[in-house]
Protein backbone atom coordinates (compact mmCIF):
# COMPACT_ATOMS: atom_id res chain seq x y z
CA ALA A 1 1.34 -1.81 -17.65
CA MET A 2 -1.49 -2.27 -19.69
CA SER A 3 -2.56 1.23 -19.87
CA LYS A 4 0.38 2.48 -20.39
CA SER A 5 0.51 0.28 -23.43
CA ALA A 6 -2.56 1.36 -24.88
CA VAL A 7 -1.43 5.11 -24.18
CA LYS A 8 2.01 3.86 -26.45
CA ILE A 9 -0.70 2.47 -28.94
CA SER A 10 -3.03 5.61 -29.24
CA SER A 11 0.14 7.58 -29.88
CA ASP A 12 1.58 5.40 -32.83
CA LEU A 13 -1.85 5.71 -34.51
CA LEU A 14 -1.51 9.51 -33.94
CA SER A 15 1.81 9.48 -36.19
CA ASN A 16 0.21 6.94 -38.68
CA PRO A 17 -0.07 9.09 -42.33
CA LEU A 18 -3.25 7.73 -42.28
CA CYS A 19 -4.30 10.42 -39.72
CA GLU A 20 -3.15 13.37 -42.20
CA GLN A 21 -4.90 11.64 -45.18
CA GLU A 22 -8.29 11.69 -43.30
CA PRO A 23 -9.68 13.89 -40.98
CA SER A 24 -12.50 11.70 -39.75
CA PHE A 25 -9.63 8.78 -38.71
CA LEU A 26 -7.45 11.70 -37.30
CA GLU A 27 -10.58 12.81 -35.09
CA MET A 28 -11.85 9.16 -34.17
CA VAL A 29 -7.87 8.23 -33.07
CA THR A 30 -7.51 11.74 -31.17
CA ALA A 31 -10.74 10.86 -29.14
CA PHE A 32 -9.09 7.42 -28.67
CA ASP A 33 -5.77 8.87 -27.19
CA THR A 34 -7.28 11.18 -25.18
CA ALA A 35 -9.31 8.02 -23.58
CA MET A 36 -6.53 6.31 -23.09
CA LYS A 37 -4.25 9.41 -21.60
CA ARG A 38 -7.41 9.40 -19.28
CA MET A 39 -7.21 5.86 -18.40
CA ASP A 40 -3.38 5.65 -17.90
CA SER A 41 -4.18 8.63 -15.36
CA PHE A 42 -7.03 6.98 -13.25
CA ASN A 43 -5.08 3.86 -12.80
CA GLN A 44 -1.85 5.84 -11.67
CA GLU A 45 -3.94 7.74 -9.15
CA LYS A 46 -5.16 4.55 -7.98
CA VAL A 47 -1.35 2.88 -7.63
CA ASN A 48 -0.49 5.94 -5.73
CA MET A 49 -3.38 5.85 -3.38
CA GLY A 50 -2.68 1.95 -2.48
CA LEU A 51 -5.79 0.95 -3.89
CA ALA A 52 -4.36 -1.77 -6.55
CA GLU A 53 -2.64 -3.47 -3.70
CA GLU A 54 -4.12 -5.69 -1.26
CA GLY A 55 -6.26 -3.88 1.15
CA GLY A 56 -7.54 -1.35 -1.01
CA THR A 57 -11.02 -2.80 -0.43
CA ARG A 58 -10.62 -1.59 3.02
CA VAL A 59 -10.46 2.02 1.87
CA PHE A 60 -13.59 1.76 -0.15
CA SER A 61 -15.49 -0.54 2.27
CA SER A 62 -14.90 2.74 5.07
CA VAL A 63 -16.36 5.25 1.87
CA PHE A 64 -19.06 3.20 1.06
CA PRO A 65 -20.22 1.14 4.26
CA SER A 66 -23.65 0.51 2.85
CA LEU A 67 -22.20 -1.50 0.43
CA ASN A 68 -19.63 -3.98 3.47
CA MET A 69 -22.96 -4.50 4.77
CA ALA A 70 -24.83 -5.60 1.48
CA VAL A 71 -21.96 -8.15 0.99
CA LYS A 72 -22.00 -9.53 4.97
CA ARG A 73 -25.95 -9.94 4.15
CA ARG A 74 -25.01 -11.70 0.74
CA GLU A 75 -22.57 -14.28 2.46
CA GLN A 76 -25.30 -14.74 5.39
CA THR A 77 -27.76 -15.23 2.74
CA LEU A 78 -25.78 -17.14 0.71
CA GLN A 79 -25.11 -19.66 3.81
CA ASP A 80 -28.50 -20.04 4.60
CA TYR A 81 -29.59 -21.27 0.95
CA LYS A 82 -26.47 -23.78 1.46
CA ARG A 83 -27.96 -24.98 4.55
CA LEU A 84 -31.51 -25.21 3.39
CA GLN A 85 -30.30 -26.70 -0.11
CA SER A 86 -28.48 -29.43 2.01
CA LYS A 87 -31.83 -30.23 4.13
CA VAL A 88 -33.65 -30.30 0.88
CA GLU A 89 -31.49 -32.77 -0.43
CA LYS A 90 -31.45 -35.06 2.56
CA TYR A 91 -35.85 -35.19 2.24
CA GLU A 92 -35.37 -35.89 -1.34
CA GLU A 93 -33.17 -39.02 -0.57
CA LYS A 94 -35.33 -40.32 2.20
CA GLU A 95 -38.81 -42.67 1.79
CA ARG A 96 -41.56 -40.43 0.30
CA THR A 97 -43.78 -40.45 3.44
CA GLY A 98 -46.39 -38.16 4.57
CA PRO A 99 -44.11 -36.39 7.28
CA VAL A 100 -41.15 -36.34 4.89
CA LEU A 101 -43.45 -34.66 2.03
CA ALA A 102 -44.86 -32.17 4.45
CA LYS A 103 -41.25 -31.16 5.51
CA LEU A 104 -39.81 -31.35 1.98
CA HIS A 105 -42.94 -28.99 0.94
CA GLN A 106 -41.93 -26.66 4.13
């Protein structure tokens, strides 16, 4: 709906009398109109392919398996970070003795 609105706005701008008076404005509005029509066409293709719906990521994950692996690695790293951060917080709360400081440094 948003890209349809952008196409409508660009079409309305093209019919503006200022476009007839100012060639540079006409050129700019024409470029804008072309871009909005391309964007609308691209969005329509996505909708037709079902990528705009939930599950569209499955299509991309099969096309880009390395991206899927990177997401999994990031999730694993994030879990590791959270686990280690909680350990650090636990050691920071304890009394600062030699073994605690060594583990905290580690």
